[in-house]
Amino acid sequence: MPYLNKFILEKVQDNFDKLELNRMCWTLCVKKNLTKSPLLIEEEDSFKVWVIFNFLSEDKYPLIIVPEEIEYLLKKLTDAMGGVWQQEQFEDYKVNFDDGKDGLSVWELIELVGTGQFSKGMDRQTVSMAISEVFNELILDVLKQGYMMKKGHKRKNWTERWFVLKPNMISYYVSEDLKDKKGDIVLDENCCVESLPDKDGKKCLFLIKCLDKTFEISASDKKKKQEWIQAIHSTIHLLKLGSPPPHKEARQSRRERRKKLLAEQEELERQMKELQAANENKQRELETVRKKLEEAASRAAEEEKKRLETQVELQARFSSELEREKLIRQQMEEQVAQKSCELEQYLQRVRELEDMYVKLQEALEDERQARQDEETVRKLQARLLEEESSKRAELERWHLEQQQAIETTEAEKQELENQRIMKERALQEAMAQLEQLELERKQALEQYEGVKKKLEMATSKTKSWKDKVAQHEGLIRLIEPGSKNPHLITHWGPAAFTQAELEERQKSWKGKKGTE
C-alpha cells in the first residue's frame, strides 16, 4: 500500500475509483488473514476498518498503526457512537502493549474494534454506523452530511434532500442511500455562504452563492443551520488557502510530530551513546594514568637509590673535574682572545669587501648604462642604414625613371625630326604649287582685266545698273578661274584660294591674335 499510494494512486485521474481498488485488495487477502473468532462487526465494516487502517498506517513495510493513531481512531468511533472516551482504559491498554511491537497490524486492529473492547454497551448497528461515519469522513472526504430542504430553481418548490459536503463540492441526493443523485454545488474560492431571515413559512434559511447559481437551503433547526454554515465557510476558506481537508492535514501534522519526536529521540540516544562511550574512554584513560603513576613511583624509587649512589661518585669526580676545568678555562680565555683578534681582522676584511662590492655595483651600473648607450647607438645606426637603403632604392628608382624618360625623349625627338623633314618637304612642294598658282593667277588676272573692260563698256549703257554696281562694290565678286588643285568652298565662293593660301592666312591670323 505505501508503494501504491506513492507511485500509483497519486498519479491516477479523477475518475479512477480508489475504493474499488481497495475492495479488490481486500478480497485477495481477507480469507487468509481475517480471524475466525466471532466479531461484533460485519465483513463490510471490517473492510472499512481495513481501508481506514491503510489511511492511518505508517508509510513503511510491514504496515502497522501506531498507538497515537489507534487512540485517534477509537476517539472518532466513540464520538460517532455518542459515548464517552475512557482515557484511563486506553492507558491501561497501552501499558499491557507488547514492548517488542511498535503498533498493531490491520488484522489486530479489526479484532480490537470487532471485539468491542472500547465500545461496551453499544449494539452492532451503532458500531456499524460509527464505522461508516468515520469511513465517510476519513476516506470519502465527507466533511458533513444530513437532510435539509432545498428550494428549486425553476418551480420554486421546497424539497427534502440528503446533502453531502466534500472539500470541493456539495452533492445532494434523494435519500441517504446515495443511489439517486440530483445535483452538485461546486465550491471554489469565489463562493460564499450567508444567513437569511425566515420567510414564506420557512425557518433556519441560509444562502450559498456561486458564480453561476445561488442555492437557498433550509435546515431543520438553528443548531444544524449554524453547523452547516460554519462547515461550508471552513471549506471555502481551505479552498482559498489551497489546504487539504482537516483530517488529512491533521494526519500529516501527527506524522510530522512523530517524525520529529523520533528524530529527537534518536538524537538523544545518539548523545547518550556518545556520552557513555566518552565516559568509558575516560575510565580507561584514568586506569591507564593510574598504572602509569604506579610505574612512575617505582621508577622514581629506583632512580633515587641510583641517584644517592652516583652522588658520592660525582663528588669525587667533581674535585678532579674542577681542577681540570680551571685549566680548560685558562686555555679557553687564551683561545677567546686569539679568536677576538681574528674576528676583528675578519670584520675589517668584510668592510673592505663591502666597499669593493659597492664599487663593483657602480662599475656594473656604468657598464650597463654604456651597454644601453651602445644599444641606442646601434639601433640609431640600424635605423640610419635602413633609411639610407630606402633612399638608395628610391634614387635608383628615380634614376631608372629618368633614363626611361630620356630614352622616351630621344625617341620623341627623333620622331619630331622626321616629322619636321616631312613637313619641310611638304612645304617645298606647297611653295612650288604656290608659284604655279601665282602664275595661273596672273594669267587669270589678265583675262579678268579684259573681261572687266568689256563689263565696264556694257555697264556704262545703263545708269541704274552702274549705280547698283557702285553701291555694292566689294560685295559682289565675279567668278574667277580656279587652280587644278582640289577645290575649297568658302564664303567667297569656290576656288577663291588654294590650300597653301589657306595655311598662310591661318598663320597670319594667329600672328595677329598673338599681337593683340
Protein backbone atom coordinates (compact mmCIF):
# COMPACT_ATOMS: atom_id res chain seq x y z
CA MET A 1 0.00 0.00 0.00
CA PRO A 2 2.80 2.56 0.58
CA TYR A 3 4.12 1.82 -2.92
CA LEU A 4 0.61 2.06 -4.42
CA ASN A 5 -0.15 5.28 -2.58
CA LYS A 6 3.13 6.99 -3.50
CA PHE A 7 3.79 5.87 -7.08
CA ILE A 8 0.43 4.72 -8.50
CA LEU A 9 -2.67 6.11 -6.75
CA GLU A 10 -1.39 9.71 -6.50
CA LYS A 11 -0.95 9.84 -10.31
CA VAL A 12 -4.32 8.41 -11.46
CA GLN A 13 -7.07 10.55 -12.97
CA ASP A 14 -10.02 11.92 -11.02
CA ASN A 15 -12.46 9.40 -12.45
CA PHE A 16 -10.45 6.47 -11.03
CA ASP A 17 -12.30 4.73 -8.17
CA LYS A 18 -9.71 4.03 -5.47
CA LEU A 19 -12.35 2.39 -3.34
CA GLU A 20 -12.77 -0.38 -5.90
CA LEU A 21 -9.01 -0.97 -5.87
CA ASN A 22 -9.13 -1.23 -2.07
CA ARG A 23 -12.03 -3.66 -2.33
CA MET A 24 -10.06 -5.83 -4.78
CA CYS A 25 -7.04 -5.88 -2.45
CA TRP A 26 -9.36 -6.71 0.45
CA THR A 27 -10.85 -9.64 -1.45
CA LEU A 28 -7.39 -11.04 -2.16
CA CYS A 29 -6.26 -11.09 1.47
CA VAL A 30 -9.35 -11.30 3.71
CA LYS A 31 -9.91 -15.05 3.65
CA LYS A 32 -6.35 -15.89 4.56
CA ASN A 33 -5.81 -13.31 7.33
CA LEU A 34 -9.13 -12.44 8.98
CA THR A 35 -9.63 -14.14 12.34
CA LYS A 36 -12.20 -16.91 12.60
CA SER A 37 -13.41 -15.79 16.06
CA PRO A 38 -16.86 -14.16 16.08
CA LEU A 39 -16.80 -10.34 15.88
CA LEU A 40 -19.42 -7.69 16.66
CA ILE A 41 -18.98 -6.12 13.20
CA GLU A 42 -19.90 -7.37 9.74
CA GLU A 43 -17.42 -8.06 6.93
CA GLU A 44 -18.33 -4.76 5.26
CA ASP A 45 -17.44 -2.89 8.46
CA SER A 46 -14.20 -4.88 8.65
CA PHE A 47 -13.42 -3.74 5.10
CA LYS A 48 -13.99 -0.12 6.11
CA VAL A 49 -11.68 -0.54 9.11
CA TRP A 50 -9.13 -2.10 6.71
CA VAL A 51 -9.31 0.96 4.42
CA ILE A 52 -9.06 3.33 7.43
CA PHE A 53 -6.00 1.39 8.57
CA ASN A 54 -4.36 1.93 5.17
CA PHE A 55 -5.03 5.67 5.54
CA LEU A 56 -3.68 5.98 9.09
CA SER A 57 -0.80 3.47 8.94
CA GLU A 58 2.85 4.41 8.63
CA ASP A 59 4.41 4.51 5.14
CA LYS A 60 6.83 1.64 5.70
CA TYR A 61 6.70 -2.13 5.46
CA PRO A 62 5.34 -4.07 7.28
CA LEU A 63 2.29 -1.82 7.73
CA ILE A 64 1.37 -1.00 11.33
CA ILE A 65 -0.74 1.59 13.08
CA VAL A 66 1.00 3.28 15.99
CA PRO A 67 -0.73 3.79 19.38
CA GLU A 68 -1.28 7.51 18.69
CA GLU A 69 -3.31 6.71 15.55
CA ILE A 70 -5.15 3.92 17.38
CA GLU A 71 -6.18 6.44 20.02
CA TYR A 72 -7.26 8.90 17.32
CA LEU A 73 -9.42 6.25 15.57
CA LEU A 74 -11.00 4.96 18.79
CA LYS A 75 -11.83 8.55 19.85
CA LYS A 76 -13.50 9.14 16.48
CA LEU A 77 -15.57 5.96 16.82
CA THR A 78 -16.55 6.81 20.41
CA ASP A 79 -17.66 10.32 19.40
CA ALA A 80 -19.64 8.88 16.46
CA MET A 81 -21.39 6.41 18.78
CA GLY A 82 -22.22 9.21 21.25
CA GLY A 83 -20.18 7.62 24.01
CA VAL A 84 -17.61 8.98 26.46
CA TRP A 85 -13.97 8.35 25.79
CA GLN A 86 -12.26 6.39 28.56
CA GLN A 87 -8.65 7.66 28.59
CA GLU A 88 -7.70 5.56 31.66
CA GLN A 89 -8.83 2.37 29.93
CA PHE A 90 -6.69 3.16 26.86
CA GLU A 91 -3.68 3.98 29.09
CA ASP A 92 -4.06 0.55 30.73
CA TYR A 93 -4.24 -0.98 27.24
CA LYS A 94 -1.01 0.78 26.26
CA VAL A 95 0.65 -0.44 29.47
CA ASN A 96 -0.19 -4.03 28.54
CA PHE A 97 1.00 -3.39 24.99
CA ASP A 98 3.85 -5.63 23.91
CA ASP A 99 7.15 -3.74 24.25
CA GLY A 100 8.63 -5.53 21.25
CA LYS A 101 5.92 -4.16 18.90
CA ASP A 102 5.66 -0.63 17.55
CA GLY A 103 1.97 -0.95 16.70
CA LEU A 104 -0.87 -3.17 15.51
CA SER A 105 -1.34 -4.85 12.17
CA VAL A 106 -4.58 -4.37 10.26
CA TRP A 107 -5.98 -7.72 11.39
CA GLU A 108 -5.17 -6.96 15.03
CA LEU A 109 -6.90 -3.57 14.64
CA ILE A 110 -10.02 -5.24 13.15
CA GLU A 111 -10.04 -7.68 16.04
CA LEU A 112 -9.63 -4.80 18.56
CA VAL A 113 -12.62 -2.94 17.07
CA GLY A 114 -14.65 -6.09 16.47
CA THR A 115 -14.33 -7.47 19.99
CA GLY A 116 -15.99 -4.33 21.41
CA GLN A 117 -13.30 -3.70 24.00
CA PHE A 118 -13.75 0.09 23.66
CA SER A 119 -17.45 0.05 22.68
CA LYS A 120 -19.02 -1.78 25.60
CA GLY A 121 -22.78 -1.27 25.92
CA MET A 122 -23.14 -0.38 22.18
CA ASP A 123 -25.11 -2.59 19.83
CA ARG A 124 -23.88 -3.74 16.43
CA GLN A 125 -25.92 -1.20 14.49
CA THR A 126 -24.49 1.71 16.48
CA VAL A 127 -20.93 0.44 15.99
CA SER A 128 -21.59 -0.06 12.27
CA MET A 129 -23.00 3.46 11.91
CA ALA A 130 -19.98 4.88 13.77
CA ILE A 131 -17.54 2.99 11.50
CA SER A 132 -19.45 4.24 8.41
CA GLU A 133 -19.37 7.83 9.65
CA VAL A 134 -15.63 7.72 10.36
CA PHE A 135 -15.07 5.97 6.99
CA ASN A 136 -17.02 8.68 5.16
CA GLU A 137 -15.00 11.42 6.85
CA LEU A 138 -11.50 9.95 6.55
CA ILE A 139 -11.74 8.05 3.28
CA LEU A 140 -14.57 9.62 1.28
CA ASP A 141 -13.66 13.15 2.49
CA VAL A 142 -17.22 13.75 3.73
CA LEU A 143 -16.96 16.78 5.99
CA LYS A 144 -20.67 16.89 6.86
CA GLN A 145 -23.92 15.25 5.73
CA GLY A 146 -27.62 15.32 6.61
CA TYR A 147 -31.19 16.08 5.46
CA MET A 148 -32.17 19.67 4.59
CA MET A 149 -34.80 21.41 2.45
CA LYS A 150 -33.73 22.92 -0.89
CA LYS A 151 -35.61 25.46 -2.99
CA GLY A 152 -35.91 24.63 -6.69
CA HIS A 153 -34.59 26.97 -9.39
CA LYS A 154 -37.49 26.58 -11.84
CA ARG A 155 -40.60 25.51 -9.91
CA LYS A 156 -39.55 27.31 -6.71
CA ASN A 157 -40.82 24.44 -4.58
CA TRP A 158 -39.12 23.12 -1.46
CA THR A 159 -37.86 19.51 -1.49
CA GLU A 160 -36.07 17.48 1.14
CA ARG A 161 -32.63 16.28 0.04
CA TRP A 162 -29.73 14.41 1.59
CA PHE A 163 -26.72 16.79 1.44
CA VAL A 164 -23.08 15.58 1.47
CA LEU A 165 -20.32 18.20 1.96
CA LYS A 166 -16.90 17.38 0.47
CA PRO A 167 -13.75 19.53 0.16
CA ASN A 168 -14.72 20.95 -3.24
CA MET A 169 -18.47 20.41 -3.65
CA ILE A 170 -21.83 19.75 -2.02
CA SER A 171 -23.75 16.85 -3.55
CA TYR A 172 -27.44 16.32 -2.82
CA TYR A 173 -29.39 13.06 -3.20
CA VAL A 174 -32.98 11.88 -2.85
CA SER A 175 -32.11 9.81 0.25
CA GLU A 176 -29.16 8.84 2.35
CA ASP A 177 -28.53 5.62 0.41
CA LEU A 178 -26.79 7.86 -2.19
CA LYS A 179 -28.34 5.98 -5.12
CA ASP A 180 -30.27 8.82 -6.81
CA LYS A 181 -28.05 11.87 -7.16
CA LYS A 182 -29.89 15.11 -8.03
CA GLY A 183 -27.02 17.56 -8.46
CA ASP A 184 -23.83 19.17 -7.22
CA ILE A 185 -22.91 22.58 -5.83
CA VAL A 186 -19.33 23.17 -6.97
CA LEU A 187 -17.39 25.19 -4.42
CA ASP A 188 -14.44 27.43 -5.16
CA GLU A 189 -12.74 30.44 -3.62
CA ASN A 190 -15.36 32.79 -5.17
CA CYS A 191 -18.29 31.14 -3.36
CA CYS A 192 -19.77 32.41 -0.12
CA VAL A 193 -22.49 31.45 2.37
CA GLU A 194 -24.92 33.87 4.01
CA SER A 195 -27.62 33.54 6.67
CA LEU A 196 -31.18 34.55 5.66
CA PRO A 197 -34.12 35.64 7.80
CA ASP A 198 -37.23 33.44 7.99
CA LYS A 199 -39.71 33.92 5.13
CA ASP A 200 -42.55 32.13 3.32
CA GLY A 201 -43.08 29.89 6.32
CA LYS A 202 -39.52 28.54 6.16
CA LYS A 203 -37.12 28.88 9.04
CA CYS A 204 -33.37 28.45 9.52
CA LEU A 205 -32.60 29.66 5.99
CA PHE A 206 -29.14 30.27 4.51
CA LEU A 207 -27.85 31.03 1.01
CA ILE A 208 -24.91 29.54 -0.94
CA LYS A 209 -23.71 31.93 -3.66
CA CYS A 210 -21.65 30.67 -6.62
CA LEU A 211 -20.63 32.39 -9.82
CA ASP A 212 -23.40 30.88 -11.95
CA LYS A 213 -26.11 29.92 -9.43
CA THR A 214 -27.46 30.68 -5.99
CA PHE A 215 -28.87 27.95 -3.73
CA GLU A 216 -31.39 28.65 -0.99
CA ILE A 217 -31.48 25.96 1.75
CA SER A 218 -33.47 25.46 4.96
CA ALA A 219 -32.06 23.49 7.92
CA SER A 220 -34.13 21.63 10.49
CA ASP A 221 -33.10 23.85 13.41
CA LYS A 222 -30.79 26.72 14.27
CA LYS A 223 -28.03 24.43 15.52
CA LYS A 224 -27.97 22.49 12.24
CA LYS A 225 -28.06 25.77 10.31
CA GLN A 226 -25.07 27.16 12.20
CA GLU A 227 -23.15 23.89 11.85
CA TRP A 228 -23.71 23.83 8.06
CA ILE A 229 -22.80 27.49 7.63
CA GLN A 230 -19.63 27.02 9.65
CA ALA A 231 -18.69 23.83 7.78
CA ILE A 232 -19.24 25.41 4.31
CA HIS A 233 -17.38 28.57 5.32
CA SER A 234 -14.41 26.50 6.58
CA THR A 235 -14.40 24.51 3.32
CA ILE A 236 -14.31 27.69 1.18
CA HIS A 237 -11.53 29.10 3.39
CA LEU A 238 -9.48 25.92 2.87
CA LEU A 239 -10.01 26.23 -0.89
CA LYS A 240 -8.73 29.81 -0.81
CA LEU A 241 -5.65 28.72 1.10
CA GLY A 242 -5.17 25.62 -1.07
CA SER A 243 -5.01 23.45 2.07
CA PRO A 244 -6.04 19.77 2.24
CA PRO A 245 -9.08 18.61 4.26
CA PRO A 246 -8.74 18.92 8.06
CA HIS A 247 -8.41 15.18 8.71
CA LYS A 248 -5.62 14.84 6.10
CA GLU A 249 -3.83 17.91 7.43
CA ALA A 250 -4.18 16.57 10.98
CA ARG A 251 -2.79 13.19 9.87
CA GLN A 252 0.17 14.89 8.21
CA SER A 253 0.84 17.04 11.29
CA ARG A 254 0.71 13.95 13.55
CA ARG A 255 3.15 12.14 11.27
CA GLU A 256 5.49 15.12 11.22
CA ARG A 257 5.25 15.38 15.00
CA ARG A 258 6.06 11.67 15.35
CA LYS A 259 8.98 12.02 12.95
CA LYS A 260 10.24 15.00 14.93
CA LEU A 261 9.91 13.12 18.24
CA LEU A 262 11.58 10.08 16.72
CA ALA A 263 14.42 12.24 15.40
CA GLU A 264 14.78 13.91 18.80
CA GLN A 265 14.73 10.51 20.50
CA GLU A 266 17.33 9.15 18.09
CA GLU A 267 19.44 12.27 18.63
CA LEU A 268 19.08 11.83 22.41
CA GLU A 269 20.04 8.16 22.16
CA ARG A 270 22.99 9.10 19.97
CA GLN A 271 24.10 11.70 22.51
CA MET A 272 23.67 9.18 25.36
CA LYS A 273 25.75 6.66 23.43
CA GLU A 274 28.39 9.30 22.77
CA LEU A 275 28.40 10.26 26.47
CA GLN A 276 28.60 6.61 27.51
CA ALA A 277 31.43 5.98 25.07
CA ALA A 278 33.18 9.13 26.28
CA ASN A 279 32.72 8.00 29.91
CA GLU A 280 34.16 4.58 29.14
CA ASN A 281 37.08 6.21 27.34
CA LYS A 282 37.65 8.45 30.37
CA GLN A 283 37.57 5.41 32.68
CA ARG A 284 40.09 3.62 30.51
CA GLU A 285 42.26 6.74 30.40
CA LEU A 286 42.09 7.09 34.22
CA GLU A 287 43.04 3.43 34.67
CA THR A 288 45.93 3.87 32.28
CA VAL A 289 47.06 7.02 34.12
CA ARG A 290 46.87 5.18 37.48
CA LYS A 291 49.02 2.36 36.18
CA LYS A 292 51.48 4.84 34.72
CA LEU A 293 51.62 6.67 38.07
CA GLU A 294 52.39 3.42 39.92
CA GLU A 295 55.10 2.56 37.42
CA ALA A 296 56.48 6.08 37.69
CA ALA A 297 56.58 5.84 41.51
CA SER A 298 58.52 2.56 41.37
CA ARG A 299 60.87 4.01 38.79
CA ALA A 300 61.32 7.12 40.95
CA ALA A 301 62.34 4.99 43.97
CA GLU A 302 64.89 3.13 41.93
CA GLU A 303 66.18 6.34 40.43
CA GLU A 304 66.50 7.88 43.91
CA LYS A 305 68.60 4.94 45.02
CA LYS A 306 70.76 5.21 41.97
CA ARG A 307 71.00 8.97 42.46
CA LEU A 308 72.37 8.52 46.00
CA GLU A 309 74.91 6.03 44.72
CA THR A 310 76.01 8.26 41.92
CA GLN A 311 76.12 11.37 44.14
CA VAL A 312 79.14 10.07 46.06
CA GLU A 313 80.85 9.13 42.86
CA LEU A 314 80.07 12.52 41.40
CA GLN A 315 81.52 14.37 44.42
CA ALA A 316 84.79 12.53 43.94
CA ARG A 317 84.79 13.35 40.31
CA PHE A 318 83.83 16.95 40.98
CA SER A 319 87.11 17.89 42.66
CA SER A 320 89.15 16.45 39.81
CA GLU A 321 86.88 17.94 37.23
CA LEU A 322 87.14 21.33 38.95
CA GLU A 323 90.92 21.40 38.59
CA ARG A 324 90.70 20.32 35.01
CA GLU A 325 88.00 22.90 34.38
CA LYS A 326 90.23 25.70 35.64
CA LEU A 327 92.96 24.61 33.30
CA ILE A 328 90.49 24.38 30.45
CA ARG A 329 89.05 27.82 31.34
CA GLN A 330 92.50 29.39 31.13
CA GLN A 331 93.07 27.76 27.75
CA MET A 332 89.67 28.91 26.59
CA GLU A 333 90.39 32.50 27.63
CA GLU A 334 93.55 32.45 25.58
CA GLN A 335 91.65 30.99 22.63
CA VAL A 336 88.92 33.62 23.06
CA ALA A 337 91.48 36.40 22.93
CA GLN A 338 93.01 34.91 19.82
CA LYS A 339 89.57 34.44 18.26
CA SER A 340 88.69 38.05 19.11
CA CYS A 341 91.74 39.27 17.23
CA GLU A 342 90.89 37.02 14.30
CA LEU A 343 87.31 38.27 14.41
CA GLU A 344 88.46 41.89 14.27
CA GLN A 345 90.61 41.10 11.24
CA TYR A 346 87.70 39.26 9.68
CA LEU A 347 85.36 42.22 10.23
CA GLN A 348 87.96 44.55 8.68
CA ARG A 349 88.12 42.26 5.67
CA VAL A 350 84.33 42.20 5.46
CA ARG A 351 84.19 46.00 5.43
CA GLU A 352 86.78 46.09 2.67
CA LEU A 353 84.77 43.54 0.70
CA GLU A 354 81.65 45.63 1.18
CA ASP A 355 83.45 48.69 -0.20
CA MET A 356 84.69 46.63 -3.13
CA TYR A 357 81.15 45.33 -3.65
CA VAL A 358 79.77 48.90 -3.75
CA LYS A 359 82.41 49.93 -6.28
CA LEU A 360 81.71 46.79 -8.28
CA GLN A 361 78.00 47.67 -8.29
CA GLU A 362 78.85 51.19 -9.54
CA ALA A 363 81.09 49.74 -12.25
CA LEU A 364 78.37 47.32 -13.27
CA GLU A 365 75.88 50.18 -13.36
CA ASP A 366 78.26 52.19 -15.57
CA GLU A 367 78.76 49.16 -17.79
CA ARG A 368 75.00 48.63 -18.01
CA GLN A 369 74.50 52.33 -18.90
CA ALA A 370 77.28 52.06 -21.52
CA ARG A 371 75.64 48.95 -22.95
CA GLN A 372 72.33 50.80 -23.10
CA ASP A 373 74.02 53.73 -24.88
CA GLU A 374 75.74 51.31 -27.24
CA GLU A 375 72.42 49.60 -27.90
CA THR A 376 70.81 53.01 -28.57
CA VAL A 377 73.59 53.98 -30.97
CA ARG A 378 73.37 50.59 -32.66
CA LYS A 379 69.62 50.98 -33.11
CA LEU A 380 70.18 54.54 -34.45
CA GLN A 381 72.80 53.26 -36.91
CA ALA A 382 70.47 50.45 -37.97
CA ARG A 383 67.70 52.98 -38.50
CA LEU A 384 70.03 55.28 -40.50
CA LEU A 385 71.22 52.32 -42.58
CA GLU A 386 67.66 51.34 -43.19
CA GLU A 387 66.76 54.90 -44.21
CA GLU A 388 69.89 55.06 -46.39
CA SER A 389 68.95 51.79 -48.10
CA SER A 390 65.42 53.07 -48.66
CA LYS A 391 66.80 56.40 -50.05
CA ARG A 392 69.25 54.48 -52.25
CA ALA A 393 66.44 52.30 -53.57
CA GLU A 394 64.37 55.41 -54.19
CA LEU A 395 67.30 57.15 -56.02
CA GLU A 396 67.84 54.06 -58.14
CA ARG A 397 64.18 54.04 -58.96
CA TRP A 398 64.32 57.74 -59.88
CA HIS A 399 67.46 57.09 -61.99
CA LEU A 400 65.69 54.31 -63.87
CA GLU A 401 62.68 56.55 -64.41
CA GLN A 402 64.98 59.37 -65.62
CA GLN A 403 66.75 57.02 -68.06
CA GLN A 404 63.41 55.80 -69.32
CA ALA A 405 62.26 59.43 -69.68
CA ILE A 406 65.49 60.30 -71.58
CA GLU A 407 65.04 57.32 -73.85
CA THR A 408 61.43 58.35 -74.39
CA THR A 409 62.50 61.96 -75.09
CA GLU A 410 65.15 60.79 -77.60
CA ALA A 411 62.56 58.69 -79.41
CA GLU A 412 60.13 61.60 -79.43
CA LYS A 413 62.91 63.97 -80.65
CA GLN A 414 63.76 61.60 -83.49
CA GLU A 415 60.12 61.32 -84.39
CA LEU A 416 59.74 65.14 -84.36
CA GLU A 417 62.82 65.47 -86.58
CA ASN A 418 61.28 63.04 -89.03
CA GLN A 419 58.04 64.97 -88.92
CA ARG A 420 59.95 68.27 -89.48
CA ILE A 421 61.72 66.84 -92.53
CA MET A 422 58.44 65.57 -93.88
CA LYS A 423 56.81 68.97 -93.26
CA GLU A 424 59.70 70.78 -94.96
CA ARG A 425 59.31 68.54 -97.95
CA ALA A 426 55.57 69.17 -97.93
CA LEU A 427 56.28 72.92 -97.60
CA GLN A 428 58.62 72.88 -100.59
CA GLU A 429 56.04 71.05 -102.61
CA ALA A 430 53.40 73.59 -101.43
CA MET A 431 55.71 76.51 -102.43
CA ALA A 432 56.15 75.00 -105.86
CA GLN A 433 52.43 74.63 -106.13
CA LEU A 434 52.07 78.24 -104.89
CA GLU A 435 54.37 79.53 -107.59
CA GLN A 436 52.40 77.59 -110.17
CA LEU A 437 49.21 79.06 -108.72
CA GLU A 438 50.70 82.58 -108.83
CA LEU A 439 51.46 82.12 -112.47
CA GLU A 440 47.97 80.86 -113.14
CA ARG A 441 46.53 83.72 -111.07
CA LYS A 442 48.43 86.31 -113.15
CA GLN A 443 47.04 84.75 -116.27
CA ALA A 444 43.57 84.78 -114.71
CA LEU A 445 44.02 88.44 -113.78
CA GLU A 446 44.93 89.32 -117.29
CA GLN A 447 41.83 87.56 -118.52
CA TYR A 448 39.89 89.34 -115.75
CA GLU A 449 41.13 92.74 -116.88
CA GLY A 450 39.90 92.05 -120.39
CA VAL A 451 36.54 90.88 -119.13
CA LYS A 452 36.39 93.88 -116.81
CA LYS A 453 36.89 96.27 -119.66
CA LYS A 454 34.15 94.55 -121.56
CA LEU A 455 31.94 94.75 -118.49
CA GLU A 456 32.56 98.44 -117.99
CA MET A 457 31.63 99.06 -121.52
CA ALA A 458 28.39 97.07 -121.05
CA THR A 459 27.52 98.75 -117.77
CA SER A 460 28.01 102.24 -118.99
CA LYS A 461 24.97 101.82 -121.15
CA THR A 462 22.61 101.57 -118.21
CA LYS A 463 22.95 104.18 -115.44
CA SER A 464 20.86 102.44 -112.92
CA TRP A 465 22.93 99.30 -113.24
CA LYS A 466 26.08 101.30 -112.79
CA ASP A 467 24.73 102.86 -109.60
CA LYS A 468 23.85 99.48 -108.18
CA VAL A 469 27.28 98.20 -109.02
CA ALA A 470 28.84 101.24 -107.33
CA GLN A 471 26.76 100.76 -104.19
CA HIS A 472 27.51 97.10 -103.91
CA GLU A 473 31.12 97.22 -104.94
CA GLY A 474 33.11 94.82 -102.85
CA LEU A 475 30.06 92.68 -102.06
CA ILE A 476 29.82 91.13 -105.47
CA ARG A 477 32.84 89.28 -106.71
CA LEU A 478 32.95 87.77 -110.14
CA ILE A 479 33.84 84.16 -110.50
CA GLU A 480 37.49 83.73 -111.36
CA PRO A 481 39.05 80.67 -112.86
CA GLY A 482 40.46 78.35 -110.15
CA SER A 483 43.51 76.14 -109.97
CA LYS A 484 43.63 72.49 -110.86
CA ASN A 485 44.18 71.56 -107.17
CA PRO A 486 41.28 70.25 -105.03
CA HIS A 487 38.67 72.98 -104.71
CA LEU A 488 37.84 74.61 -101.39
CA ILE A 489 34.42 76.09 -100.67
CA THR A 490 34.39 79.35 -98.64
CA HIS A 491 32.05 82.28 -98.23
CA TRP A 492 33.90 83.87 -101.14
CA GLY A 493 32.83 81.05 -103.39
CA PRO A 494 34.59 78.03 -104.93
CA ALA A 495 38.28 78.23 -106.00
CA ALA A 496 38.81 81.52 -104.18
CA PHE A 497 42.23 80.34 -102.84
CA THR A 498 44.28 77.15 -102.52
CA GLN A 499 45.23 75.03 -99.54
CA ALA A 500 48.64 76.70 -99.23
CA GLU A 501 47.00 80.14 -99.25
CA LEU A 502 44.64 78.96 -96.54
CA GLU A 503 47.57 77.83 -94.34
CA GLU A 504 49.36 81.14 -94.92
CA ARG A 505 46.24 83.07 -93.95
CA GLN A 506 45.82 80.91 -90.81
CA LYS A 507 49.40 81.72 -89.77
CA SER A 508 48.77 85.44 -90.31
CA TRP A 509 45.56 85.29 -88.31
CA LYS A 510 47.35 83.55 -85.44
CA GLY A 511 50.10 86.18 -85.54
CA LYS A 512 47.54 88.99 -85.36
CA LYS A 513 45.83 87.35 -82.43
CA GLY A 514 49.15 86.97 -80.66
CA THR A 515 49.97 90.64 -81.11
CA GLU A 516 46.58 91.75 -79.98
